PDB file of all heavy atoms in Angstrom:
ATOM      1  N   VAL A   1      87.659 -35.554 140.082  1.00  0.00           N
ATOM      2  CA  VAL A   1      87.704 -35.808 141.519  1.00  0.00           C
ATOM      3  C   VAL A   1      86.538 -36.715 141.883  1.00  0.00           C
ATOM      4  O   VAL A   1      85.397 -36.450 141.510  1.00  0.00           O
ATOM      5  CB  VAL A   1      87.587 -34.479 142.311  1.00  0.00           C
ATOM      6  CG1 VAL A   1      87.579 -34.730 143.800  1.00  0.00           C
ATOM      7  CG2 VAL A   1      88.693 -33.533 141.914  1.00  0.00           C
ATOM      8  N   VAL A   2      86.825 -37.777 142.623  1.00  0.00           N
ATOM      9  CA  VAL A   2      85.777 -38.689 143.082  1.00  0.00           C
ATOM     10  C   VAL A   2      85.349 -38.252 144.475  1.00  0.00           C
ATOM     11  O   VAL A   2      86.183 -38.142 145.382  1.00  0.00           O
ATOM     12  CB  VAL A   2      86.281 -40.152 143.114  1.00  0.00           C
ATOM     13  CG1 VAL A   2      85.193 -41.069 143.641  1.00  0.00           C
ATOM     14  CG2 VAL A   2      86.727 -40.578 141.728  1.00  0.00           C
ATOM     15  N   LEU A   3      84.055 -37.970 144.642  1.00  0.00           N
ATOM     16  CA  LEU A   3      83.523 -37.526 145.927  1.00  0.00           C
ATOM     17  C   LEU A   3      82.542 -38.547 146.474  1.00  0.00           C
ATOM     18  O   LEU A   3      81.803 -39.186 145.715  1.00  0.00           O
ATOM     19  CB  LEU A   3      82.796 -36.187 145.777  1.00  0.00           C
ATOM     20  CG  LEU A   3      83.615 -34.993 145.307  1.00  0.00           C
ATOM     21  CD1 LEU A   3      82.709 -33.784 145.125  1.00  0.00           C
ATOM     22  CD2 LEU A   3      84.715 -34.673 146.288  1.00  0.00           C
ATOM     23  N   SER A   4      82.494 -38.683 147.796  1.00  0.00           N
ATOM     24  CA  SER A   4      81.490 -39.530 148.434  1.00  0.00           C
ATOM     25  C   SER A   4      80.147 -38.811 148.382  1.00  0.00           C
ATOM     26  O   SER A   4      80.075 -37.605 148.105  1.00  0.00           O
ATOM     27  CB  SER A   4      81.869 -39.802 149.885  1.00  0.00           C
ATOM     28  OG  SER A   4      81.786 -38.600 150.645  1.00  0.00           O
ATOM     29  N   ARG A   5      79.089 -39.538 148.681  1.00  0.00           N
ATOM     30  CA  ARG A   5      77.758 -38.907 148.701  1.00  0.00           C
ATOM     31  C   ARG A   5      77.717 -37.780 149.723  1.00  0.00           C
ATOM     32  O   ARG A   5      77.127 -36.727 149.489  1.00  0.00           O
ATOM     33  CB  ARG A   5      76.681 -39.939 149.009  1.00  0.00           C
ATOM     34  CG  ARG A   5      76.463 -40.927 147.883  1.00  0.00           C
ATOM     35  CD  ARG A   5      75.387 -41.912 148.201  1.00  0.00           C
ATOM     36  NE  ARG A   5      74.128 -41.197 148.327  1.00  0.00           N
ATOM     37  CZ  ARG A   5      73.059 -41.685 148.949  1.00  0.00           C
ATOM     38  NH1 ARG A   5      73.079 -42.877 149.459  1.00  0.00           N
ATOM     39  NH2 ARG A   5      71.950 -40.980 149.025  1.00  0.00           N
ATOM     40  N   ALA A   6      78.352 -37.994 150.883  1.00  0.00           N
ATOM     41  CA  ALA A   6      78.369 -36.962 151.926  1.00  0.00           C
ATOM     42  C   ALA A   6      79.106 -35.721 151.443  1.00  0.00           C
ATOM     43  O   ALA A   6      78.681 -34.585 151.717  1.00  0.00           O
ATOM     44  CB  ALA A   6      79.022 -37.516 153.194  1.00  0.00           C
ATOM     45  N   SER A   7      80.189 -35.922 150.713  1.00  0.00           N
ATOM     46  CA  SER A   7      80.948 -34.781 150.197  1.00  0.00           C
ATOM     47  C   SER A   7      80.159 -34.016 149.144  1.00  0.00           C
ATOM     48  O   SER A   7      80.209 -32.785 149.090  1.00  0.00           O
ATOM     49  CB  SER A   7      82.275 -35.245 149.604  1.00  0.00           C
ATOM     50  OG  SER A   7      83.098 -35.775 150.609  1.00  0.00           O
ATOM     51  N   VAL A   8      79.418 -34.734 148.308  1.00  0.00           N
ATOM     52  CA  VAL A   8      78.578 -34.076 147.305  1.00  0.00           C
ATOM     53  C   VAL A   8      77.495 -33.269 148.012  1.00  0.00           C
ATOM     54  O   VAL A   8      77.218 -32.120 147.649  1.00  0.00           O
ATOM     55  CB  VAL A   8      77.961 -35.096 146.332  1.00  0.00           C
ATOM     56  CG1 VAL A   8      76.935 -34.431 145.420  1.00  0.00           C
ATOM     57  CG2 VAL A   8      79.044 -35.783 145.509  1.00  0.00           C
ATOM     58  N   TRP A   9      76.886 -33.843 149.056  1.00  0.00           N
ATOM     59  CA  TRP A   9      75.854 -33.142 149.820  1.00  0.00           C
ATOM     60  C   TRP A   9      76.438 -31.868 150.429  1.00  0.00           C
ATOM     61  O   TRP A   9      75.852 -30.800 150.361  1.00  0.00           O
ATOM     62  CB  TRP A   9      75.278 -34.045 150.906  1.00  0.00           C
ATOM     63  CG  TRP A   9      74.252 -33.364 151.749  1.00  0.00           C
ATOM     64  CD1 TRP A   9      74.393 -32.904 153.015  1.00  0.00           C
ATOM     65  CD2 TRP A   9      72.917 -33.029 151.357  1.00  0.00           C
ATOM     66  NE1 TRP A   9      73.242 -32.314 153.450  1.00  0.00           N
ATOM     67  CE2 TRP A   9      72.321 -32.384 152.455  1.00  0.00           C
ATOM     68  CE3 TRP A   9      72.181 -33.224 150.199  1.00  0.00           C
ATOM     69  CZ2 TRP A   9      71.011 -31.926 152.404  1.00  0.00           C
ATOM     70  CZ3 TRP A   9      70.868 -32.762 150.167  1.00  0.00           C
ATOM     71  CH2 TRP A   9      70.298 -32.127 151.259  1.00  0.00           C
ATOM     72  N   TRP A  10      77.636 -31.964 151.037  1.00  0.00           N
ATOM     73  CA  TRP A  10      78.270 -30.794 151.630  1.00  0.00           C
ATOM     74  C   TRP A  10      78.580 -29.742 150.560  1.00  0.00           C
ATOM     75  O   TRP A  10      78.387 -28.549 150.783  1.00  0.00           O
ATOM     76  CB  TRP A  10      79.560 -31.207 152.347  1.00  0.00           C
ATOM     77  CG  TRP A  10      80.265 -30.029 152.931  1.00  0.00           C
ATOM     78  CD1 TRP A  10      80.014 -29.437 154.130  1.00  0.00           C
ATOM     79  CD2 TRP A  10      81.299 -29.271 152.311  1.00  0.00           C
ATOM     80  NE1 TRP A  10      80.851 -28.348 154.302  1.00  0.00           N
ATOM     81  CE2 TRP A  10      81.647 -28.231 153.197  1.00  0.00           C
ATOM     82  CE3 TRP A  10      81.965 -29.368 151.107  1.00  0.00           C
ATOM     83  CZ2 TRP A  10      82.639 -27.295 152.900  1.00  0.00           C
ATOM     84  CZ3 TRP A  10      82.954 -28.438 150.812  1.00  0.00           C
ATOM     85  CH2 TRP A  10      83.278 -27.420 151.712  1.00  0.00           C
ATOM     86  N   LEU A  11      79.042 -30.193 149.393  1.00  0.00           N
ATOM     87  CA  LEU A  11      79.348 -29.262 148.308  1.00  0.00           C
ATOM     88  C   LEU A  11      78.103 -28.477 147.892  1.00  0.00           C
ATOM     89  O   LEU A  11      78.136 -27.255 147.752  1.00  0.00           O
ATOM     90  CB  LEU A  11      79.911 -30.027 147.103  1.00  0.00           C
ATOM     91  CG  LEU A  11      80.172 -29.218 145.834  1.00  0.00           C
ATOM     92  CD1 LEU A  11      81.313 -28.245 146.059  1.00  0.00           C
ATOM     93  CD2 LEU A  11      80.480 -30.142 144.671  1.00  0.00           C
ATOM     94  N   LEU A  12      77.000 -29.194 147.717  1.00  0.00           N
ATOM     95  CA  LEU A  12      75.770 -28.536 147.264  1.00  0.00           C
ATOM     96  C   LEU A  12      75.174 -27.628 148.331  1.00  0.00           C
ATOM     97  O   LEU A  12      74.760 -26.502 148.040  1.00  0.00           O
ATOM     98  CB  LEU A  12      74.738 -29.589 146.839  1.00  0.00           C
ATOM     99  CG  LEU A  12      75.097 -30.421 145.618  1.00  0.00           C
ATOM    100  CD1 LEU A  12      74.038 -31.483 145.376  1.00  0.00           C
ATOM    101  CD2 LEU A  12      75.277 -29.563 144.392  1.00  0.00           C
ATOM    102  N   THR A  13      75.104 -28.106 149.570  1.00  0.00           N
ATOM    103  CA  THR A  13      74.438 -27.329 150.619  1.00  0.00           C
ATOM    104  C   THR A  13      75.368 -26.350 151.311  1.00  0.00           C
ATOM    105  O   THR A  13      74.994 -25.209 151.562  1.00  0.00           O
ATOM    106  CB  THR A  13      73.808 -28.262 151.672  1.00  0.00           C
ATOM    107  OG1 THR A  13      74.836 -29.074 152.255  1.00  0.00           O
ATOM    108  CG2 THR A  13      72.730 -29.127 151.065  1.00  0.00           C
ATOM    109  N   GLY A  14      76.578 -26.790 151.627  1.00  0.00           N
ATOM    110  CA  GLY A  14      77.504 -25.940 152.377  1.00  0.00           C
ATOM    111  C   GLY A  14      78.197 -24.905 151.526  1.00  0.00           C
ATOM    112  O   GLY A  14      78.226 -23.720 151.862  1.00  0.00           O
ATOM    113  N   ARG A  15      78.764 -25.324 150.417  1.00  0.00           N
ATOM    114  CA  ARG A  15      79.547 -24.411 149.582  1.00  0.00           C
ATOM    115  C   ARG A  15      78.677 -23.606 148.622  1.00  0.00           C
ATOM    116  O   ARG A  15      78.931 -22.430 148.402  1.00  0.00           O
ATOM    117  CB  ARG A  15      80.585 -25.184 148.779  1.00  0.00           C
ATOM    118  CG  ARG A  15      81.656 -25.829 149.597  1.00  0.00           C
ATOM    119  CD  ARG A  15      82.687 -24.861 150.065  1.00  0.00           C
ATOM    120  NE  ARG A  15      83.501 -24.433 148.934  1.00  0.00           N
ATOM    121  CZ  ARG A  15      84.395 -23.482 149.003  1.00  0.00           C
ATOM    122  NH1 ARG A  15      84.612 -22.868 150.127  1.00  0.00           N
ATOM    123  NH2 ARG A  15      85.091 -23.139 147.954  1.00  0.00           N
ATOM    124  N   LEU A  16      77.685 -24.255 148.020  1.00  0.00           N
ATOM    125  CA  LEU A  16      76.877 -23.571 147.005  1.00  0.00           C
ATOM    126  C   LEU A  16      75.584 -22.983 147.555  1.00  0.00           C
ATOM    127  O   LEU A  16      74.891 -22.252 146.857  1.00  0.00           O
ATOM    128  CB  LEU A  16      76.568 -24.537 145.847  1.00  0.00           C
ATOM    129  CG  LEU A  16      77.794 -25.073 145.110  1.00  0.00           C
ATOM    130  CD1 LEU A  16      77.366 -26.068 144.042  1.00  0.00           C
ATOM    131  CD2 LEU A  16      78.592 -23.946 144.489  1.00  0.00           C
ATOM    132  N   GLY A  17      75.233 -23.321 148.790  1.00  0.00           N
ATOM    133  CA  GLY A  17      74.048 -22.744 149.426  1.00  0.00           C
ATOM    134  C   GLY A  17      72.723 -23.291 148.936  1.00  0.00           C
ATOM    135  O   GLY A  17      71.685 -22.676 149.145  1.00  0.00           O
ATOM    136  N   TRP A  18      72.765 -24.455 148.278  1.00  0.00           N
ATOM    137  CA  TRP A  18      71.516 -25.052 147.814  1.00  0.00           C
ATOM    138  C   TRP A  18      70.744 -25.605 149.010  1.00  0.00           C
ATOM    139  O   TRP A  18      71.309 -25.894 150.056  1.00  0.00           O
ATOM    140  CB  TRP A  18      71.782 -26.185 146.829  1.00  0.00           C
ATOM    141  CG  TRP A  18      72.289 -25.731 145.500  1.00  0.00           C
ATOM    142  CD1 TRP A  18      72.828 -24.528 145.187  1.00  0.00           C
ATOM    143  CD2 TRP A  18      72.323 -26.492 144.292  1.00  0.00           C
ATOM    144  NE1 TRP A  18      73.192 -24.479 143.869  1.00  0.00           N
ATOM    145  CE2 TRP A  18      72.888 -25.681 143.307  1.00  0.00           C
ATOM    146  CE3 TRP A  18      71.938 -27.778 143.966  1.00  0.00           C
ATOM    147  CZ2 TRP A  18      73.063 -26.122 142.004  1.00  0.00           C
ATOM    148  CZ3 TRP A  18      72.117 -28.218 142.676  1.00  0.00           C
ATOM    149  CH2 TRP A  18      72.661 -27.395 141.701  1.00  0.00           C
ATOM    150  N   SER A  19      69.431 -25.757 148.838  1.00  0.00           N
ATOM    151  CA  SER A  19      68.601 -26.342 149.887  1.00  0.00           C
ATOM    152  C   SER A  19      67.742 -27.441 149.287  1.00  0.00           C
ATOM    153  O   SER A  19      67.509 -27.477 148.080  1.00  0.00           O
ATOM    154  CB  SER A  19      67.716 -25.271 150.532  1.00  0.00           C
ATOM    155  OG  SER A  19      66.822 -24.748 149.578  1.00  0.00           O
ATOM    156  N   LEU A  20      67.302 -28.330 150.159  1.00  0.00           N
ATOM    157  CA  LEU A  20      66.431 -29.415 149.729  1.00  0.00           C
ATOM    158  C   LEU A  20      65.061 -28.827 149.412  1.00  0.00           C
ATOM    159  O   LEU A  20      64.433 -28.202 150.262  1.00  0.00           O
ATOM    160  CB  LEU A  20      66.314 -30.465 150.824  1.00  0.00           C
ATOM    161  CG  LEU A  20      65.442 -31.668 150.515  1.00  0.00           C
ATOM    162  CD1 LEU A  20      66.000 -32.440 149.324  1.00  0.00           C
ATOM    163  CD2 LEU A  20      65.339 -32.564 151.725  1.00  0.00           C
ATOM    164  N   GLN A  21      64.626 -28.983 148.182  1.00  0.00           N
ATOM    165  CA  GLN A  21      63.329 -28.452 147.770  1.00  0.00           C
ATOM    166  C   GLN A  21      62.552 -29.542 147.061  1.00  0.00           C
ATOM    167  O   GLN A  21      63.117 -30.371 146.370  1.00  0.00           O
ATOM    168  CB  GLN A  21      63.509 -27.271 146.827  1.00  0.00           C
ATOM    169  CG  GLN A  21      64.225 -26.124 147.458  1.00  0.00           C
ATOM    170  CD  GLN A  21      64.427 -24.981 146.483  1.00  0.00           C
ATOM    171  OE1 GLN A  21      64.049 -25.058 145.324  1.00  0.00           O
ATOM    172  NE2 GLN A  21      65.029 -23.914 146.957  1.00  0.00           N
ATOM    173  N   ARG A  22      61.281 -29.513 147.242  1.00  0.00           N
ATOM    174  CA  ARG A  22      60.407 -30.458 146.559  1.00  0.00           C
ATOM    175  C   ARG A  22      59.403 -29.646 145.728  1.00  0.00           C
ATOM    176  O   ARG A  22      58.885 -28.644 146.201  1.00  0.00           O
ATOM    177  CB  ARG A  22      59.664 -31.326 147.549  1.00  0.00           C
ATOM    178  CG  ARG A  22      60.611 -32.097 148.453  1.00  0.00           C
ATOM    179  CD  ARG A  22      59.930 -33.281 149.062  1.00  0.00           C
ATOM    180  NE  ARG A  22      60.785 -33.922 150.029  1.00  0.00           N
ATOM    181  CZ  ARG A  22      61.672 -34.854 149.747  1.00  0.00           C
ATOM    182  NH1 ARG A  22      61.835 -35.227 148.513  1.00  0.00           N
ATOM    183  NH2 ARG A  22      62.396 -35.407 150.688  1.00  0.00           N
ATOM    184  N   PRO A  23      59.129 -30.072 144.513  1.00  0.00           N
ATOM    185  CA  PRO A  23      58.183 -29.325 143.682  1.00  0.00           C
ATOM    186  C   PRO A  23      56.759 -29.397 144.244  1.00  0.00           C
ATOM    187  O   PRO A  23      56.372 -30.403 144.838  1.00  0.00           O
ATOM    188  CB  PRO A  23      58.268 -30.018 142.321  1.00  0.00           C
ATOM    189  CG  PRO A  23      58.779 -31.374 142.614  1.00  0.00           C
ATOM    190  CD  PRO A  23      59.645 -31.253 143.831  1.00  0.00           C
ATOM    191  N   GLU A  24      56.016 -28.324 144.081  1.00  0.00           N
ATOM    192  CA  GLU A  24      54.617 -28.326 144.474  1.00  0.00           C
ATOM    193  C   GLU A  24      53.825 -29.097 143.434  1.00  0.00           C
ATOM    194  O   GLU A  24      54.097 -29.000 142.238  1.00  0.00           O
ATOM    195  CB  GLU A  24      54.076 -26.895 144.534  1.00  0.00           C
ATOM    196  CG  GLU A  24      54.632 -26.093 145.665  1.00  0.00           C
ATOM    197  CD  GLU A  24      53.982 -24.727 145.749  1.00  0.00           C
ATOM    198  OE1 GLU A  24      52.848 -24.576 145.246  1.00  0.00           O
ATOM    199  OE2 GLU A  24      54.610 -23.833 146.299  1.00  0.00           O
ATOM    200  N   ARG A  25      52.868 -29.842 143.895  1.00  0.00           N
ATOM    201  CA  ARG A  25      52.030 -30.583 142.962  1.00  0.00           C
ATOM    202  C   ARG A  25      50.824 -29.718 142.624  1.00  0.00           C
ATOM    203  O   ARG A  25      50.012 -29.418 143.488  1.00  0.00           O
ATOM    204  CB  ARG A  25      51.607 -31.904 143.572  1.00  0.00           C
ATOM    205  CG  ARG A  25      52.839 -32.777 143.819  1.00  0.00           C
ATOM    206  CD  ARG A  25      52.525 -34.210 143.997  1.00  0.00           C
ATOM    207  NE  ARG A  25      51.637 -34.746 143.017  1.00  0.00           N
ATOM    208  CZ  ARG A  25      51.995 -35.558 142.024  1.00  0.00           C
ATOM    209  NH1 ARG A  25      53.225 -35.899 141.886  1.00  0.00           N
ATOM    210  NH2 ARG A  25      51.104 -36.027 141.180  1.00  0.00           N
ATOM    211  N   ARG A  26      50.746 -29.259 141.407  1.00  0.00           N
ATOM    212  CA  ARG A  26      49.670 -28.391 140.946  1.00  0.00           C
ATOM    213  C   ARG A  26      49.244 -28.796 139.564  1.00  0.00           C
ATOM    214  O   ARG A  26      50.073 -29.158 138.731  1.00  0.00           O
ATOM    215  CB  ARG A  26      50.176 -26.971 140.842  1.00  0.00           C
ATOM    216  CG  ARG A  26      49.670 -26.122 141.935  1.00  0.00           C
ATOM    217  CD  ARG A  26      50.146 -24.729 141.788  1.00  0.00           C
ATOM    218  NE  ARG A  26      50.220 -24.265 143.140  1.00  0.00           N
ATOM    219  CZ  ARG A  26      50.037 -23.053 143.512  1.00  0.00           C
ATOM    220  NH1 ARG A  26      49.909 -22.126 142.634  1.00  0.00           N
ATOM    221  NH2 ARG A  26      50.046 -22.733 144.756  1.00  0.00           N
TER     222      ARG A  26
END
């Protein structure tokens, strides 16, 4: 299935519950 960037974003955040995270610099 070919998905647009917006659809991939919705899949990750909406369906899978992922959130935007950035690693801590340590």
